[in-house]
């Protein structure tokens, strides 16, 4: 992979490329086969907006460093019982090197891979709270059942991942969504020649 994918090369500055990635993530998520692309785009927009506005409580969560992330396809993972974030240092190191190889430092400054991974998992921890989860479902607006004026909102598979990526980008001040980097990392580890344009491999949580 080369720096030809770097900032400003071949990208329409007026187009939301990260939203396109988000829509593709949803489209590739089980239960969304055949779903209207406009519905997926609306959910992706709502999930990203919710994530950008999230303000998780600064509750300390134990962080444990592990190896073996490249083999398992993991960058970081949140476990709720007991609350702990596992960070895979081998994947973090590979991702930092990949950023340099692709010329993406203006989007992902040195050290931002770890910071974004921790922020991403902090978002997942926040989304585990019943109140936050209910607010998120309302924001997505996916109605499972309607009884008169009352609605029961359903879970949207993959939307929490988009919210977590959006939160991480906002919290860390990144130039692009971490989803771009996780796709590039998955492509690199699959020995594909290019950053994937039509498929999504998820490497976070």
N, C-alpha and C. Protein backbone atom coordinates (compact mmCIF):
# COMPACT_ATOMS: atom_id res chain seq x y z
N UNK A 1 0.84 -1.19 0.00
CA UNK A 1 0.00 0.00 0.00
C UNK A 1 0.88 1.24 0.00
N UNK A 2 0.48 2.25 -0.67
CA UNK A 2 1.32 3.43 -0.79
C UNK A 2 0.61 4.66 -0.30
N UNK A 3 1.33 5.73 -0.25
CA UNK A 3 0.77 7.00 0.19
C UNK A 3 -0.19 7.63 -0.79
N UNK A 4 -0.50 6.94 -1.89
CA UNK A 4 -1.42 7.49 -2.88
C UNK A 4 -2.82 7.69 -2.33
N UNK A 5 -3.11 7.07 -1.17
CA UNK A 5 -4.42 7.25 -0.56
C UNK A 5 -4.42 8.40 0.44
N UNK A 6 -3.37 9.16 0.49
CA UNK A 6 -3.21 10.19 1.50
C UNK A 6 -4.16 11.35 1.33
N UNK A 7 -4.14 12.29 2.31
CA UNK A 7 -5.05 13.42 2.31
C UNK A 7 -4.98 14.23 1.02
N UNK A 8 -6.16 14.55 0.50
CA UNK A 8 -6.23 15.47 -0.62
C UNK A 8 -6.04 14.84 -1.98
N UNK A 9 -5.79 13.51 -2.04
CA UNK A 9 -5.52 12.88 -3.32
C UNK A 9 -6.72 12.04 -3.73
N UNK A 10 -7.39 12.46 -4.80
CA UNK A 10 -8.49 11.68 -5.34
C UNK A 10 -9.76 11.74 -4.53
N UNK A 11 -9.91 12.69 -3.62
CA UNK A 11 -11.10 12.79 -2.79
C UNK A 11 -11.83 14.09 -3.08
N UNK A 12 -13.14 13.99 -3.19
CA UNK A 12 -13.98 15.17 -3.36
C UNK A 12 -14.17 15.81 -1.98
N UNK A 13 -13.63 17.00 -1.74
CA UNK A 13 -13.71 17.60 -0.40
C UNK A 13 -15.14 17.91 0.03
N UNK A 14 -16.07 17.95 -0.91
CA UNK A 14 -17.45 18.26 -0.55
C UNK A 14 -18.28 17.02 -0.25
N UNK A 15 -17.67 15.85 -0.38
CA UNK A 15 -18.39 14.59 -0.18
C UNK A 15 -18.01 13.97 1.15
N UNK A 16 -18.98 13.39 1.84
CA UNK A 16 -18.73 12.76 3.14
C UNK A 16 -18.33 11.31 2.92
N UNK A 17 -17.03 11.08 2.74
CA UNK A 17 -16.53 9.74 2.49
C UNK A 17 -16.68 8.84 3.71
N UNK A 18 -16.56 9.41 4.91
CA UNK A 18 -16.72 8.60 6.11
C UNK A 18 -18.15 8.09 6.24
N UNK A 19 -19.11 8.88 5.82
CA UNK A 19 -20.50 8.42 5.85
C UNK A 19 -20.68 7.25 4.89
N UNK A 20 -20.03 7.31 3.74
CA UNK A 20 -20.09 6.19 2.80
C UNK A 20 -19.56 4.91 3.45
N UNK A 21 -18.45 5.04 4.18
CA UNK A 21 -17.90 3.88 4.88
C UNK A 21 -18.89 3.35 5.91
N UNK A 22 -19.54 4.26 6.61
CA UNK A 22 -20.51 3.87 7.63
C UNK A 22 -21.69 3.11 7.01
N UNK A 23 -22.16 3.60 5.88
CA UNK A 23 -23.28 2.94 5.20
C UNK A 23 -22.86 1.55 4.75
N UNK A 24 -21.64 1.42 4.24
CA UNK A 24 -21.16 0.10 3.80
C UNK A 24 -21.02 -0.86 4.98
N UNK A 25 -20.63 -0.33 6.13
CA UNK A 25 -20.53 -1.18 7.31
C UNK A 25 -21.91 -1.75 7.65
N UNK A 26 -22.92 -0.89 7.65
CA UNK A 26 -24.27 -1.37 7.95
C UNK A 26 -24.75 -2.36 6.88
N UNK A 27 -24.48 -2.04 5.62
CA UNK A 27 -24.93 -2.91 4.54
C UNK A 27 -24.32 -4.31 4.64
N UNK A 28 -23.10 -4.39 5.20
CA UNK A 28 -22.44 -5.68 5.34
C UNK A 28 -22.73 -6.37 6.65
N UNK A 29 -23.59 -5.80 7.46
CA UNK A 29 -23.93 -6.38 8.76
C UNK A 29 -25.13 -7.31 8.63
N UNK A 30 -25.05 -8.53 9.17
CA UNK A 30 -26.19 -9.45 9.11
C UNK A 30 -27.46 -8.79 9.64
N UNK A 31 -28.57 -9.12 9.01
CA UNK A 31 -29.93 -8.60 9.23
C UNK A 31 -30.23 -7.42 8.31
N UNK A 32 -29.21 -6.86 7.67
CA UNK A 32 -29.46 -5.71 6.79
C UNK A 32 -29.42 -6.08 5.30
N UNK A 33 -29.37 -7.38 5.01
CA UNK A 33 -29.34 -7.78 3.60
C UNK A 33 -30.61 -7.30 2.89
N UNK A 34 -30.42 -6.64 1.78
CA UNK A 34 -31.56 -6.17 1.00
C UNK A 34 -32.24 -4.93 1.56
N UNK A 35 -31.67 -4.35 2.60
CA UNK A 35 -32.27 -3.15 3.19
C UNK A 35 -32.11 -1.95 2.24
N UNK A 36 -33.09 -1.08 2.22
CA UNK A 36 -33.05 0.12 1.38
C UNK A 36 -31.81 0.94 1.73
N UNK A 37 -30.96 1.26 0.75
CA UNK A 37 -29.75 2.05 1.03
C UNK A 37 -30.06 3.40 1.67
N UNK A 38 -31.19 3.98 1.35
CA UNK A 38 -31.54 5.27 1.96
C UNK A 38 -31.84 5.11 3.45
N UNK A 39 -32.44 3.98 3.82
CA UNK A 39 -32.68 3.71 5.24
C UNK A 39 -31.35 3.52 5.96
N UNK A 40 -30.44 2.77 5.35
CA UNK A 40 -29.12 2.56 5.94
C UNK A 40 -28.39 3.87 6.11
N UNK A 41 -28.50 4.74 5.12
CA UNK A 41 -27.82 6.04 5.20
C UNK A 41 -28.42 6.89 6.32
N UNK A 42 -29.74 6.86 6.47
CA UNK A 42 -30.38 7.62 7.54
C UNK A 42 -29.93 7.10 8.91
N UNK A 43 -29.86 5.79 9.06
CA UNK A 43 -29.39 5.22 10.33
C UNK A 43 -27.93 5.58 10.58
N UNK A 44 -27.11 5.52 9.53
CA UNK A 44 -25.69 5.84 9.68
C UNK A 44 -25.52 7.29 10.12
N UNK A 45 -26.28 8.19 9.50
CA UNK A 45 -26.20 9.61 9.87
C UNK A 45 -26.63 9.81 11.32
N UNK A 46 -27.71 9.15 11.72
CA UNK A 46 -28.21 9.30 13.09
C UNK A 46 -27.22 8.73 14.10
N UNK A 47 -26.62 7.58 13.77
CA UNK A 47 -25.65 6.96 14.68
C UNK A 47 -24.42 7.83 14.84
N UNK A 48 -23.91 8.39 13.74
CA UNK A 48 -22.73 9.24 13.82
C UNK A 48 -23.02 10.53 14.59
N UNK A 49 -24.19 11.11 14.36
CA UNK A 49 -24.55 12.32 15.08
C UNK A 49 -24.67 12.04 16.58
N UNK A 50 -25.27 10.93 16.94
CA UNK A 50 -25.38 10.56 18.35
C UNK A 50 -24.00 10.38 18.97
N UNK A 51 -23.12 9.69 18.23
CA UNK A 51 -21.77 9.45 18.73
C UNK A 51 -20.99 10.74 18.94
N UNK A 52 -21.11 11.67 18.00
CA UNK A 52 -20.39 12.93 18.12
C UNK A 52 -20.84 13.72 19.35
N UNK A 53 -22.12 13.57 19.70
CA UNK A 53 -22.66 14.34 20.82
C UNK A 53 -22.55 13.65 22.17
N UNK A 54 -22.09 12.42 22.18
CA UNK A 54 -22.01 11.69 23.44
C UNK A 54 -21.00 12.33 24.39
N UNK A 55 -21.33 12.30 25.67
CA UNK A 55 -20.42 12.79 26.71
C UNK A 55 -20.36 11.76 27.83
N UNK A 56 -19.63 10.67 27.62
CA UNK A 56 -19.57 9.61 28.63
C UNK A 56 -19.03 10.12 29.96
N UNK A 57 -19.59 9.59 31.04
CA UNK A 57 -19.06 9.91 32.36
C UNK A 57 -17.61 9.45 32.45
N UNK A 58 -16.75 10.24 33.08
CA UNK A 58 -15.34 9.87 33.19
C UNK A 58 -15.11 8.79 34.25
N UNK A 59 -15.76 7.64 34.08
CA UNK A 59 -15.61 6.54 35.03
C UNK A 59 -14.36 5.75 34.66
N UNK A 60 -13.46 5.55 35.60
CA UNK A 60 -12.24 4.81 35.28
C UNK A 60 -12.54 3.35 34.95
N UNK A 61 -11.94 2.88 33.89
CA UNK A 61 -12.07 1.48 33.48
C UNK A 61 -10.67 0.91 33.37
N UNK A 62 -10.47 -0.26 33.91
CA UNK A 62 -9.15 -0.88 33.88
C UNK A 62 -8.77 -1.21 32.44
N UNK A 63 -7.53 -0.88 32.08
CA UNK A 63 -7.02 -1.15 30.74
C UNK A 63 -5.96 -2.23 30.84
N UNK A 64 -6.11 -3.27 30.05
CA UNK A 64 -5.18 -4.39 30.04
C UNK A 64 -4.56 -4.50 28.65
N UNK A 65 -3.23 -4.56 28.59
CA UNK A 65 -2.54 -4.71 27.31
C UNK A 65 -2.34 -6.18 27.00
N UNK A 66 -2.62 -6.54 25.76
CA UNK A 66 -2.47 -7.93 25.33
C UNK A 66 -1.79 -7.98 23.96
N UNK A 67 -1.27 -9.16 23.61
CA UNK A 67 -0.76 -9.43 22.28
C UNK A 67 -1.75 -10.35 21.57
N UNK A 68 -1.49 -10.61 20.32
CA UNK A 68 -2.33 -11.53 19.57
C UNK A 68 -3.49 -10.88 18.85
N UNK A 69 -3.51 -9.56 18.82
CA UNK A 69 -4.61 -8.86 18.15
C UNK A 69 -4.61 -9.04 16.65
N UNK A 70 -3.43 -9.08 16.05
CA UNK A 70 -3.36 -9.23 14.60
C UNK A 70 -3.93 -10.57 14.16
N UNK A 71 -3.66 -11.60 14.94
CA UNK A 71 -4.19 -12.92 14.62
C UNK A 71 -5.70 -12.98 14.81
N UNK A 72 -6.17 -12.34 15.89
CA UNK A 72 -7.59 -12.38 16.21
C UNK A 72 -8.41 -11.33 15.46
N UNK A 73 -7.73 -10.38 14.81
CA UNK A 73 -8.45 -9.30 14.13
C UNK A 73 -9.03 -8.31 15.09
N UNK A 74 -8.29 -7.99 16.16
CA UNK A 74 -8.78 -7.08 17.19
C UNK A 74 -7.78 -5.96 17.44
N UNK A 75 -8.29 -4.77 17.61
CA UNK A 75 -7.50 -3.62 18.02
C UNK A 75 -7.69 -3.35 19.51
N UNK A 76 -8.94 -3.37 19.93
CA UNK A 76 -9.29 -3.22 21.34
C UNK A 76 -10.65 -3.85 21.55
N UNK A 77 -10.96 -4.16 22.81
CA UNK A 77 -12.24 -4.80 23.10
C UNK A 77 -12.69 -4.43 24.50
N UNK A 78 -13.96 -4.08 24.62
CA UNK A 78 -14.54 -3.76 25.92
C UNK A 78 -15.29 -4.97 26.46
N UNK A 79 -15.00 -5.31 27.71
CA UNK A 79 -15.73 -6.38 28.40
C UNK A 79 -16.45 -5.75 29.58
N UNK A 80 -17.73 -6.04 29.70
CA UNK A 80 -18.53 -5.37 30.74
C UNK A 80 -18.49 -6.06 32.10
N UNK A 81 -18.12 -7.33 32.15
CA UNK A 81 -18.14 -8.06 33.42
C UNK A 81 -16.86 -8.84 33.62
N UNK A 82 -15.95 -8.30 34.44
CA UNK A 82 -15.96 -6.94 35.02
C UNK A 82 -15.57 -5.92 33.96
N UNK A 83 -15.87 -4.62 34.19
CA UNK A 83 -15.53 -3.60 33.19
C UNK A 83 -14.02 -3.52 32.94
N UNK A 84 -13.63 -3.79 31.73
CA UNK A 84 -12.21 -3.75 31.38
C UNK A 84 -12.09 -3.52 29.88
N UNK A 85 -11.06 -2.78 29.49
CA UNK A 85 -10.74 -2.59 28.08
C UNK A 85 -9.44 -3.33 27.79
N UNK A 86 -9.50 -4.23 26.84
CA UNK A 86 -8.31 -4.96 26.41
C UNK A 86 -7.76 -4.27 25.17
N UNK A 87 -6.51 -3.86 25.22
CA UNK A 87 -5.86 -3.20 24.08
C UNK A 87 -4.79 -4.15 23.54
N UNK A 88 -4.85 -4.39 22.25
CA UNK A 88 -3.91 -5.31 21.62
C UNK A 88 -2.75 -4.50 21.04
N UNK A 89 -1.64 -4.55 21.75
CA UNK A 89 -0.52 -3.66 21.44
C UNK A 89 0.13 -3.96 20.09
N UNK A 90 0.10 -5.22 19.66
CA UNK A 90 0.68 -5.54 18.36
C UNK A 90 -0.13 -4.91 17.23
N UNK A 91 -1.45 -4.87 17.39
CA UNK A 91 -2.29 -4.26 16.37
C UNK A 91 -2.14 -2.74 16.39
N UNK A 92 -2.04 -2.16 17.58
CA UNK A 92 -1.84 -0.72 17.69
C UNK A 92 -0.55 -0.32 16.98
N UNK A 93 0.51 -1.08 17.22
CA UNK A 93 1.79 -0.77 16.59
C UNK A 93 1.71 -0.90 15.07
N UNK A 94 1.03 -1.94 14.60
CA UNK A 94 0.91 -2.12 13.14
C UNK A 94 0.08 -1.00 12.53
N UNK A 95 -0.96 -0.58 13.23
CA UNK A 95 -1.81 0.50 12.72
C UNK A 95 -1.04 1.81 12.65
N UNK A 96 -0.21 2.09 13.64
CA UNK A 96 0.59 3.32 13.62
C UNK A 96 1.55 3.30 12.44
N UNK A 97 2.16 2.15 12.18
CA UNK A 97 3.07 2.05 11.04
C UNK A 97 2.33 2.19 9.72
N UNK A 98 1.10 1.65 9.68
CA UNK A 98 0.31 1.76 8.47
C UNK A 98 -0.07 3.21 8.17
N UNK A 99 -0.39 3.96 9.20
CA UNK A 99 -0.70 5.38 9.03
C UNK A 99 0.48 6.10 8.36
N UNK A 100 1.68 5.79 8.84
CA UNK A 100 2.87 6.41 8.26
C UNK A 100 3.06 5.97 6.81
N UNK A 101 2.85 4.67 6.55
CA UNK A 101 3.03 4.14 5.19
C UNK A 101 2.06 4.80 4.20
N UNK A 102 0.84 5.06 4.65
CA UNK A 102 -0.18 5.62 3.78
C UNK A 102 -0.13 7.14 3.69
N UNK A 103 0.71 7.77 4.50
CA UNK A 103 0.78 9.23 4.50
C UNK A 103 -0.44 9.88 5.12
N UNK A 104 -0.98 9.25 6.15
CA UNK A 104 -2.21 9.72 6.79
C UNK A 104 -1.98 10.44 8.11
N UNK A 105 -0.75 10.90 8.37
CA UNK A 105 -0.46 11.51 9.67
C UNK A 105 -1.28 12.76 9.94
N UNK A 106 -1.67 13.48 8.91
CA UNK A 106 -2.47 14.68 9.16
C UNK A 106 -3.88 14.30 9.65
N UNK A 107 -4.31 13.10 9.33
CA UNK A 107 -5.61 12.62 9.81
C UNK A 107 -5.48 11.92 11.16
N UNK A 108 -4.40 11.15 11.31
CA UNK A 108 -4.20 10.34 12.51
C UNK A 108 -2.81 10.63 13.09
N UNK A 109 -2.68 11.65 13.94
CA UNK A 109 -1.37 12.01 14.51
C UNK A 109 -0.76 10.86 15.30
N UNK A 110 0.55 10.92 15.50
CA UNK A 110 1.25 9.89 16.25
C UNK A 110 0.60 9.71 17.63
N UNK A 111 0.36 8.47 17.98
CA UNK A 111 -0.25 8.16 19.26
C UNK A 111 -1.77 8.14 19.25
N UNK A 112 -2.36 8.56 18.13
CA UNK A 112 -3.82 8.67 18.09
C UNK A 112 -4.51 7.32 17.94
N UNK A 113 -3.80 6.31 17.46
CA UNK A 113 -4.44 5.00 17.32
C UNK A 113 -4.86 4.46 18.69
N UNK A 114 -3.94 4.51 19.65
CA UNK A 114 -4.28 4.05 20.99
C UNK A 114 -5.36 4.94 21.62
N UNK A 115 -5.21 6.25 21.46
CA UNK A 115 -6.19 7.17 22.05
C UNK A 115 -7.58 6.92 21.47
N UNK A 116 -7.65 6.70 20.15
CA UNK A 116 -8.94 6.45 19.51
C UNK A 116 -9.52 5.11 19.93
N UNK A 117 -8.66 4.11 20.08
CA UNK A 117 -9.14 2.79 20.51
C UNK A 117 -9.75 2.86 21.90
N UNK A 118 -9.08 3.58 22.80
CA UNK A 118 -9.61 3.72 24.16
C UNK A 118 -10.91 4.53 24.16
N UNK A 119 -10.97 5.57 23.35
CA UNK A 119 -12.19 6.37 23.26
C UNK A 119 -13.33 5.54 22.68
N UNK A 120 -13.02 4.74 21.68
CA UNK A 120 -14.01 3.88 21.05
C UNK A 120 -14.64 2.93 22.06
N UNK A 121 -13.78 2.30 22.87
CA UNK A 121 -14.30 1.36 23.87
C UNK A 121 -15.01 2.08 25.01
N UNK A 122 -14.58 3.29 25.32
CA UNK A 122 -15.30 4.10 26.31
C UNK A 122 -16.73 4.37 25.82
N UNK A 123 -16.85 4.61 24.53
CA UNK A 123 -18.18 4.83 23.96
C UNK A 123 -19.04 3.58 24.07
N UNK A 124 -18.45 2.42 23.79
CA UNK A 124 -19.20 1.17 23.92
C UNK A 124 -19.67 0.97 25.36
N UNK A 125 -18.79 1.28 26.30
CA UNK A 125 -19.16 1.14 27.71
C UNK A 125 -20.34 2.05 28.04
N UNK A 126 -20.33 3.27 27.50
CA UNK A 126 -21.39 4.22 27.75
C UNK A 126 -22.71 3.74 27.14
N UNK A 127 -22.62 3.14 25.96
CA UNK A 127 -23.81 2.65 25.28
C UNK A 127 -24.42 1.43 25.96
N UNK A 128 -23.69 0.85 26.91
CA UNK A 128 -24.22 -0.28 27.68
C UNK A 128 -25.25 0.18 28.71
N UNK A 129 -25.22 1.46 29.09
CA UNK A 129 -26.17 1.97 30.07
C UNK A 129 -27.57 1.96 29.48
N UNK A 130 -28.54 1.49 30.25
CA UNK A 130 -29.91 1.34 29.74
C UNK A 130 -30.48 2.67 29.25
N UNK A 131 -30.25 3.74 29.98
CA UNK A 131 -30.80 5.05 29.59
C UNK A 131 -30.19 5.51 28.27
N UNK A 132 -28.88 5.36 28.15
CA UNK A 132 -28.21 5.78 26.92
C UNK A 132 -28.64 4.92 25.75
N UNK A 133 -28.76 3.63 26.00
CA UNK A 133 -29.19 2.71 24.94
C UNK A 133 -30.60 3.07 24.44
N UNK A 134 -31.49 3.41 25.38
CA UNK A 134 -32.85 3.80 24.98
C UNK A 134 -32.84 5.09 24.17
N UNK A 135 -32.01 6.06 24.57
CA UNK A 135 -31.90 7.31 23.82
C UNK A 135 -31.35 7.06 22.43
N UNK A 136 -30.41 6.14 22.34
CA UNK A 136 -29.80 5.82 21.04
C UNK A 136 -30.83 5.20 20.11
N UNK A 137 -31.64 4.28 20.62
CA UNK A 137 -32.68 3.66 19.80
C UNK A 137 -33.68 4.71 19.30
N UNK A 138 -34.04 5.63 20.17
CA UNK A 138 -34.97 6.69 19.75
C UNK A 138 -34.35 7.55 18.66
N UNK A 139 -33.06 7.84 18.79
CA UNK A 139 -32.38 8.67 17.80
C UNK A 139 -32.35 7.97 16.44
N UNK A 140 -32.17 6.65 16.44
CA UNK A 140 -32.13 5.90 15.19
C UNK A 140 -33.53 5.80 14.57
N UNK A 141 -34.55 5.70 15.42
CA UNK A 141 -35.92 5.72 14.93
C UNK A 141 -36.39 4.46 14.23
N UNK A 142 -35.74 3.32 14.50
CA UNK A 142 -36.15 2.05 13.88
C UNK A 142 -37.30 1.47 14.69
N UNK A 143 -38.51 1.58 14.19
CA UNK A 143 -39.70 1.17 14.93
C UNK A 143 -39.97 -0.31 14.76
N UNK A 144 -40.03 -1.03 15.89
CA UNK A 144 -40.35 -2.46 15.87
C UNK A 144 -41.84 -2.69 16.04
N UNK A 145 -42.49 -1.83 16.82
CA UNK A 145 -43.91 -2.00 17.10
C UNK A 145 -44.52 -0.64 17.40
N UNK A 146 -45.71 -0.42 16.86
CA UNK A 146 -46.41 0.84 17.12
C UNK A 146 -47.82 0.53 17.63
N UNK A 147 -48.16 1.11 18.78
CA UNK A 147 -49.49 0.97 19.38
C UNK A 147 -50.05 2.37 19.57
N UNK A 148 -50.87 2.82 18.63
CA UNK A 148 -51.37 4.18 18.70
C UNK A 148 -50.21 5.16 18.62
N UNK A 149 -50.14 6.08 19.58
CA UNK A 149 -49.04 7.05 19.56
C UNK A 149 -47.73 6.50 20.14
N UNK A 150 -47.77 5.31 20.69
CA UNK A 150 -46.58 4.74 21.34
C UNK A 150 -45.79 3.89 20.36
N UNK A 151 -44.47 3.96 20.51
CA UNK A 151 -43.60 3.18 19.64
C UNK A 151 -42.61 2.38 20.47
N UNK A 152 -42.30 1.19 19.99
CA UNK A 152 -41.23 0.40 20.57
C UNK A 152 -40.09 0.40 19.55
N UNK A 153 -38.96 0.97 19.97
CA UNK A 153 -37.83 1.10 19.05
C UNK A 153 -36.94 -0.13 19.11
N UNK A 154 -36.44 -0.53 17.95
CA UNK A 154 -35.64 -1.74 17.83
C UNK A 154 -34.16 -1.41 17.73
N UNK A 155 -33.35 -2.41 18.04
CA UNK A 155 -31.90 -2.30 17.88
C UNK A 155 -31.54 -2.32 16.40
N UNK A 156 -30.56 -1.51 16.03
CA UNK A 156 -30.03 -1.51 14.66
C UNK A 156 -28.63 -2.10 14.70
N UNK A 157 -28.48 -3.31 14.19
CA UNK A 157 -27.18 -3.98 14.22
C UNK A 157 -26.12 -3.13 13.52
N UNK A 158 -24.99 -2.96 14.19
CA UNK A 158 -23.87 -2.21 13.62
C UNK A 158 -23.89 -0.73 13.94
N UNK A 159 -25.02 -0.20 14.39
CA UNK A 159 -25.11 1.24 14.64
C UNK A 159 -24.25 1.67 15.83
N UNK A 160 -24.15 0.80 16.84
CA UNK A 160 -23.33 1.17 18.00
C UNK A 160 -21.86 1.31 17.60
N UNK A 161 -21.43 0.51 16.63
CA UNK A 161 -20.05 0.62 16.15
C UNK A 161 -19.82 1.97 15.48
N UNK A 162 -20.80 2.43 14.72
CA UNK A 162 -20.68 3.73 14.07
C UNK A 162 -20.67 4.86 15.09
N UNK A 163 -21.51 4.76 16.09
CA UNK A 163 -21.54 5.79 17.14
C UNK A 163 -20.20 5.84 17.87
N UNK A 164 -19.63 4.67 18.14
CA UNK A 164 -18.35 4.62 18.85
C UNK A 164 -17.23 5.21 18.00
N UNK A 165 -17.23 4.93 16.69
CA UNK A 165 -16.23 5.52 15.81
C UNK A 165 -16.38 7.05 15.76
N UNK A 166 -17.62 7.50 15.67
CA UNK A 166 -17.86 8.95 15.61
C UNK A 166 -17.42 9.63 16.89
N UNK A 167 -17.70 8.99 18.02
CA UNK A 167 -17.26 9.56 19.30
C UNK A 167 -15.74 9.63 19.36
N UNK A 168 -15.08 8.56 18.95
CA UNK A 168 -13.62 8.52 19.00
C UNK A 168 -13.01 9.61 18.12
N UNK A 169 -13.58 9.79 16.93
CA UNK A 169 -13.07 10.83 16.05
C UNK A 169 -13.20 12.21 16.69
N UNK A 170 -14.38 12.48 17.26
CA UNK A 170 -14.61 13.79 17.87
C UNK A 170 -13.75 13.98 19.11
N UNK A 171 -13.67 12.96 19.95
CA UNK A 171 -12.94 13.07 21.21
C UNK A 171 -11.45 13.26 20.98
N UNK A 172 -10.93 12.65 19.92
CA UNK A 172 -9.49 12.70 19.65
C UNK A 172 -9.12 13.76 18.61
N UNK A 173 -10.11 14.45 18.05
CA UNK A 173 -9.84 15.48 17.06
C UNK A 173 -9.20 14.96 15.79
N UNK A 174 -9.66 13.81 15.32
CA UNK A 174 -9.07 13.18 14.14
C UNK A 174 -9.64 13.78 12.85
N UNK A 175 -8.83 13.73 11.80
CA UNK A 175 -9.25 14.28 10.52
C UNK A 175 -10.20 13.38 9.75
N UNK A 176 -10.16 12.08 10.03
CA UNK A 176 -11.07 11.13 9.42
C UNK A 176 -11.54 10.14 10.47
N UNK A 177 -12.59 9.41 10.15
CA UNK A 177 -13.11 8.41 11.08
C UNK A 177 -12.11 7.28 11.27
N UNK A 178 -11.98 6.76 12.48
CA UNK A 178 -11.13 5.58 12.70
C UNK A 178 -11.59 4.38 11.87
N UNK A 179 -12.84 4.40 11.41
CA UNK A 179 -13.32 3.31 10.57
C UNK A 179 -12.49 3.18 9.30
N UNK A 180 -12.03 4.30 8.76
CA UNK A 180 -11.16 4.27 7.58
C UNK A 180 -9.89 3.49 7.87
N UNK A 181 -9.32 3.75 9.04
CA UNK A 181 -8.08 3.08 9.41
C UNK A 181 -8.29 1.59 9.67
N UNK A 182 -9.40 1.24 10.32
CA UNK A 182 -9.65 -0.18 10.57
C UNK A 182 -9.85 -0.94 9.27
N UNK A 183 -10.49 -0.32 8.28
CA UNK A 183 -10.64 -0.96 6.98
C UNK A 183 -9.28 -1.14 6.30
N UNK A 184 -8.47 -0.10 6.36
CA UNK A 184 -7.15 -0.17 5.74
C UNK A 184 -6.29 -1.23 6.43
N UNK A 185 -6.42 -1.33 7.74
CA UNK A 185 -5.66 -2.33 8.49
C UNK A 185 -6.11 -3.74 8.11
N UNK A 186 -7.42 -3.93 8.02
CA UNK A 186 -7.92 -5.24 7.62
C UNK A 186 -7.44 -5.61 6.22
N UNK A 187 -7.43 -4.63 5.31
CA UNK A 187 -6.96 -4.87 3.96
C UNK A 187 -5.48 -5.22 3.94
N UNK A 188 -4.70 -4.49 4.73
CA UNK A 188 -3.26 -4.74 4.78
C UNK A 188 -2.97 -6.14 5.31
N UNK A 189 -3.71 -6.54 6.36
CA UNK A 189 -3.47 -7.85 6.95
C UNK A 189 -3.99 -8.99 6.06
N UNK A 190 -4.90 -8.64 5.15
CA UNK A 190 -5.40 -9.64 4.19
C UNK A 190 -4.54 -9.66 2.94
N UNK A 191 -3.49 -8.78 2.95
CA UNK A 191 -2.56 -8.68 1.82
C UNK A 191 -3.28 -8.24 0.55
N UNK A 192 -4.31 -7.39 0.72
CA UNK A 192 -4.98 -6.83 -0.44
C UNK A 192 -4.18 -5.62 -0.92
N UNK A 193 -4.16 -5.34 -2.20
CA UNK A 193 -3.33 -4.25 -2.73
C UNK A 193 -3.87 -2.86 -2.45
N UNK A 194 -5.17 -2.73 -2.17
CA UNK A 194 -5.74 -1.40 -2.02
C UNK A 194 -6.62 -1.34 -0.78
N UNK A 195 -6.88 -0.12 -0.33
CA UNK A 195 -7.86 0.07 0.73
C UNK A 195 -9.21 -0.34 0.17
N UNK A 196 -10.00 -1.18 0.88
CA UNK A 196 -11.25 -1.67 0.31
C UNK A 196 -12.25 -0.56 0.06
N UNK A 197 -12.93 -0.62 -1.09
CA UNK A 197 -13.92 0.39 -1.43
C UNK A 197 -15.34 -0.14 -1.32
N UNK A 198 -15.51 -1.47 -1.37
CA UNK A 198 -16.87 -2.00 -1.40
C UNK A 198 -17.14 -3.06 -0.36
N UNK A 199 -16.23 -3.24 0.60
CA UNK A 199 -16.46 -4.21 1.64
C UNK A 199 -15.91 -3.68 2.94
N UNK A 200 -16.38 -4.22 4.05
CA UNK A 200 -15.99 -3.71 5.36
C UNK A 200 -15.53 -4.85 6.24
N UNK A 201 -14.33 -4.71 6.79
CA UNK A 201 -13.84 -5.62 7.82
C UNK A 201 -13.70 -4.81 9.10
N UNK A 202 -14.34 -5.30 10.16
CA UNK A 202 -14.32 -4.53 11.40
C UNK A 202 -13.23 -5.03 12.33
N UNK A 203 -12.42 -4.12 12.78
CA UNK A 203 -11.30 -4.49 13.62
C UNK A 203 -11.42 -3.94 15.03
N UNK A 204 -12.44 -3.22 15.36
CA UNK A 204 -12.54 -2.64 16.68
C UNK A 204 -13.78 -3.14 17.37
N UNK A 205 -13.63 -3.68 18.57
CA UNK A 205 -14.68 -4.18 19.47
C UNK A 205 -15.45 -5.34 18.89
